[in-house]
N, C-alpha and C. Protein backbone atom coordinates (compact mmCIF):
# COMPACT_ATOMS: atom_id res chain seq x y z
N MET A 1 -24.73 25.08 15.69
CA MET A 1 -25.75 24.32 16.38
C MET A 1 -25.36 22.85 16.41
N LYS A 2 -25.53 22.25 17.54
CA LYS A 2 -25.17 20.85 17.73
C LYS A 2 -26.26 19.94 17.17
N GLU A 3 -25.83 18.81 16.54
CA GLU A 3 -26.80 17.87 16.00
C GLU A 3 -27.47 17.09 17.12
N PRO A 4 -28.74 16.73 16.96
CA PRO A 4 -29.42 15.90 17.97
C PRO A 4 -28.73 14.54 18.09
N PRO A 5 -28.75 13.95 19.28
CA PRO A 5 -28.07 12.65 19.49
C PRO A 5 -28.54 11.57 18.52
N ASP A 6 -29.83 11.54 18.18
CA ASP A 6 -30.30 10.49 17.28
C ASP A 6 -29.73 10.68 15.87
N LEU A 7 -29.50 11.91 15.45
CA LEU A 7 -28.90 12.18 14.14
C LEU A 7 -27.42 11.79 14.15
N VAL A 8 -26.75 12.05 15.25
CA VAL A 8 -25.34 11.67 15.39
C VAL A 8 -25.22 10.15 15.30
N ASP A 9 -26.11 9.44 15.99
CA ASP A 9 -26.10 7.98 15.95
C ASP A 9 -26.40 7.47 14.55
N LEU A 10 -27.33 8.07 13.88
CA LEU A 10 -27.68 7.67 12.52
C LEU A 10 -26.49 7.86 11.58
N ARG A 11 -25.80 8.99 11.68
CA ARG A 11 -24.62 9.23 10.84
C ARG A 11 -23.54 8.20 11.13
N ARG A 12 -23.32 7.88 12.39
CA ARG A 12 -22.31 6.89 12.77
C ARG A 12 -22.65 5.53 12.19
N ARG A 13 -23.91 5.13 12.31
CA ARG A 13 -24.33 3.83 11.80
C ARG A 13 -24.24 3.78 10.28
N LEU A 14 -24.58 4.87 9.62
CA LEU A 14 -24.48 4.91 8.16
C LEU A 14 -23.02 4.83 7.72
N ALA A 15 -22.14 5.52 8.42
CA ALA A 15 -20.70 5.44 8.11
C ALA A 15 -20.19 4.02 8.29
N GLU A 16 -20.63 3.35 9.35
CA GLU A 16 -20.23 1.96 9.58
C GLU A 16 -20.73 1.05 8.46
N THR A 17 -21.94 1.31 7.99
CA THR A 17 -22.52 0.52 6.91
C THR A 17 -21.71 0.71 5.63
N TYR A 18 -21.37 1.95 5.31
CA TYR A 18 -20.53 2.21 4.13
C TYR A 18 -19.17 1.51 4.27
N THR A 19 -18.58 1.56 5.45
CA THR A 19 -17.28 0.92 5.67
C THR A 19 -17.38 -0.59 5.48
N ARG A 20 -18.43 -1.18 6.03
CA ARG A 20 -18.61 -2.63 5.86
C ARG A 20 -18.87 -2.97 4.39
N GLY A 21 -19.63 -2.14 3.71
CA GLY A 21 -19.86 -2.35 2.28
C GLY A 21 -18.55 -2.32 1.50
N ALA A 22 -17.66 -1.40 1.86
CA ALA A 22 -16.35 -1.33 1.20
C ALA A 22 -15.56 -2.60 1.43
N GLU A 23 -15.60 -3.14 2.64
CA GLU A 23 -14.89 -4.37 2.94
C GLU A 23 -15.43 -5.53 2.10
N VAL A 24 -16.74 -5.62 1.98
CA VAL A 24 -17.36 -6.68 1.19
C VAL A 24 -16.98 -6.54 -0.29
N LEU A 25 -17.01 -5.32 -0.79
CA LEU A 25 -16.64 -5.09 -2.19
C LEU A 25 -15.17 -5.41 -2.45
N GLU A 26 -14.29 -5.08 -1.52
CA GLU A 26 -12.88 -5.42 -1.67
C GLU A 26 -12.68 -6.93 -1.68
N HIS A 27 -13.43 -7.62 -0.86
CA HIS A 27 -13.36 -9.09 -0.87
C HIS A 27 -13.85 -9.64 -2.21
N ALA A 28 -14.93 -9.08 -2.72
CA ALA A 28 -15.45 -9.51 -4.02
C ALA A 28 -14.42 -9.26 -5.12
N ALA A 29 -13.70 -8.16 -5.03
CA ALA A 29 -12.65 -7.86 -6.02
C ALA A 29 -11.54 -8.89 -5.95
N ARG A 30 -11.14 -9.28 -4.74
CA ARG A 30 -10.10 -10.31 -4.61
C ARG A 30 -10.57 -11.63 -5.20
N LEU A 31 -11.82 -11.99 -4.95
CA LEU A 31 -12.36 -13.23 -5.52
C LEU A 31 -12.40 -13.17 -7.05
N ALA A 32 -12.79 -12.02 -7.59
CA ALA A 32 -12.83 -11.86 -9.05
C ALA A 32 -11.42 -11.97 -9.63
N ASP A 33 -10.43 -11.41 -8.96
CA ASP A 33 -9.04 -11.54 -9.42
C ASP A 33 -8.60 -13.00 -9.42
N GLN A 34 -8.95 -13.72 -8.37
CA GLN A 34 -8.60 -15.15 -8.32
C GLN A 34 -9.28 -15.92 -9.44
N HIS A 35 -10.53 -15.60 -9.68
CA HIS A 35 -11.25 -16.27 -10.75
C HIS A 35 -10.61 -15.93 -12.10
N ALA A 36 -10.21 -14.69 -12.27
CA ALA A 36 -9.55 -14.28 -13.52
C ALA A 36 -8.26 -15.07 -13.73
N GLU A 37 -7.51 -15.28 -12.67
CA GLU A 37 -6.27 -16.07 -12.78
C GLU A 37 -6.57 -17.49 -13.22
N ARG A 38 -7.61 -18.08 -12.64
CA ARG A 38 -7.98 -19.45 -13.05
C ARG A 38 -8.41 -19.48 -14.51
N GLU A 39 -9.23 -18.52 -14.89
CA GLU A 39 -9.70 -18.46 -16.28
C GLU A 39 -8.53 -18.29 -17.24
N GLU A 40 -7.62 -17.41 -16.89
CA GLU A 40 -6.44 -17.17 -17.73
C GLU A 40 -5.61 -18.45 -17.84
N GLY A 41 -5.44 -19.14 -16.72
CA GLY A 41 -4.67 -20.39 -16.71
C GLY A 41 -5.30 -21.47 -17.57
N GLU A 42 -6.60 -21.40 -17.73
CA GLU A 42 -7.31 -22.40 -18.55
C GLU A 42 -7.52 -21.91 -19.98
N GLY A 43 -6.87 -20.78 -20.31
CA GLY A 43 -6.92 -20.30 -21.69
C GLY A 43 -8.16 -19.51 -22.07
N ARG A 44 -8.95 -19.13 -21.11
CA ARG A 44 -10.17 -18.36 -21.40
C ARG A 44 -9.90 -16.88 -21.13
N ARG A 45 -9.20 -16.26 -22.08
CA ARG A 45 -8.78 -14.87 -21.89
C ARG A 45 -9.94 -13.90 -21.84
N ALA A 46 -10.96 -14.12 -22.65
CA ALA A 46 -12.10 -13.19 -22.64
C ALA A 46 -12.81 -13.22 -21.28
N SER A 47 -12.98 -14.41 -20.75
CA SER A 47 -13.61 -14.55 -19.43
C SER A 47 -12.73 -13.92 -18.34
N ALA A 48 -11.43 -14.12 -18.47
CA ALA A 48 -10.50 -13.53 -17.50
C ALA A 48 -10.58 -12.01 -17.55
N ALA A 49 -10.69 -11.45 -18.73
CA ALA A 49 -10.79 -9.99 -18.87
C ALA A 49 -12.07 -9.47 -18.22
N LYS A 50 -13.17 -10.20 -18.39
CA LYS A 50 -14.42 -9.80 -17.76
C LYS A 50 -14.30 -9.82 -16.23
N GLU A 51 -13.64 -10.84 -15.71
CA GLU A 51 -13.45 -10.93 -14.26
C GLU A 51 -12.58 -9.79 -13.75
N ARG A 52 -11.55 -9.45 -14.50
CA ARG A 52 -10.70 -8.32 -14.09
C ARG A 52 -11.49 -7.00 -14.12
N ALA A 53 -12.35 -6.86 -15.11
CA ALA A 53 -13.20 -5.66 -15.17
C ALA A 53 -14.15 -5.63 -13.98
N ASN A 54 -14.69 -6.79 -13.62
CA ASN A 54 -15.56 -6.87 -12.44
C ASN A 54 -14.79 -6.48 -11.18
N ALA A 55 -13.56 -6.95 -11.07
CA ALA A 55 -12.73 -6.62 -9.91
C ALA A 55 -12.48 -5.11 -9.85
N ALA A 56 -12.21 -4.51 -10.99
CA ALA A 56 -11.96 -3.06 -11.03
C ALA A 56 -13.21 -2.29 -10.61
N ARG A 57 -14.37 -2.72 -11.09
CA ARG A 57 -15.62 -2.04 -10.71
C ARG A 57 -15.87 -2.17 -9.21
N ALA A 58 -15.60 -3.35 -8.67
CA ALA A 58 -15.80 -3.55 -7.24
C ALA A 58 -14.86 -2.66 -6.43
N ARG A 59 -13.61 -2.54 -6.88
CA ARG A 59 -12.67 -1.67 -6.17
C ARG A 59 -13.10 -0.20 -6.25
N ASP A 60 -13.58 0.21 -7.41
CA ASP A 60 -14.08 1.58 -7.55
C ASP A 60 -15.25 1.84 -6.61
N ALA A 61 -16.15 0.88 -6.54
CA ALA A 61 -17.31 1.02 -5.65
C ALA A 61 -16.86 1.06 -4.19
N ALA A 62 -15.86 0.25 -3.85
CA ALA A 62 -15.33 0.25 -2.47
C ALA A 62 -14.73 1.61 -2.14
N THR A 63 -14.04 2.21 -3.09
CA THR A 63 -13.47 3.53 -2.88
C THR A 63 -14.56 4.56 -2.63
N ARG A 64 -15.64 4.48 -3.41
CA ARG A 64 -16.76 5.41 -3.20
C ARG A 64 -17.39 5.20 -1.83
N CYS A 65 -17.53 3.95 -1.41
CA CYS A 65 -18.10 3.67 -0.08
C CYS A 65 -17.22 4.28 1.01
N ARG A 66 -15.92 4.10 0.90
CA ARG A 66 -15.02 4.65 1.92
C ARG A 66 -15.08 6.18 1.93
N SER A 67 -15.19 6.77 0.76
CA SER A 67 -15.30 8.22 0.68
C SER A 67 -16.60 8.71 1.34
N ASN A 68 -17.68 8.00 1.07
CA ASN A 68 -18.97 8.36 1.70
C ASN A 68 -18.90 8.22 3.21
N ALA A 69 -18.27 7.14 3.67
CA ALA A 69 -18.13 6.93 5.12
C ALA A 69 -17.32 8.06 5.74
N GLN A 70 -16.25 8.46 5.07
CA GLN A 70 -15.40 9.52 5.59
C GLN A 70 -16.14 10.85 5.66
N SER A 71 -16.98 11.11 4.68
CA SER A 71 -17.71 12.38 4.67
C SER A 71 -18.75 12.46 5.79
N LEU A 72 -19.13 11.32 6.34
CA LEU A 72 -20.11 11.30 7.42
C LEU A 72 -19.45 11.45 8.80
N ARG A 73 -18.16 11.32 8.84
CA ARG A 73 -17.47 11.37 10.14
C ARG A 73 -17.04 12.76 10.48
């Protein structure tokens, strides 16, 4: 059975939202990595480690967003 057009549009829009969310999270991860480098350069290793952990979490979330978007297509 074919999905109604409004459901098809909703799935497409939701997939686009997940994709955009992944892009934002990847950008946040890059910023956290940059911040970690600055912190490390200034001798604040604990703070740098927290920023790297934040970057890793953001990348994991971006991966989940991309997976969700793919499952909707």
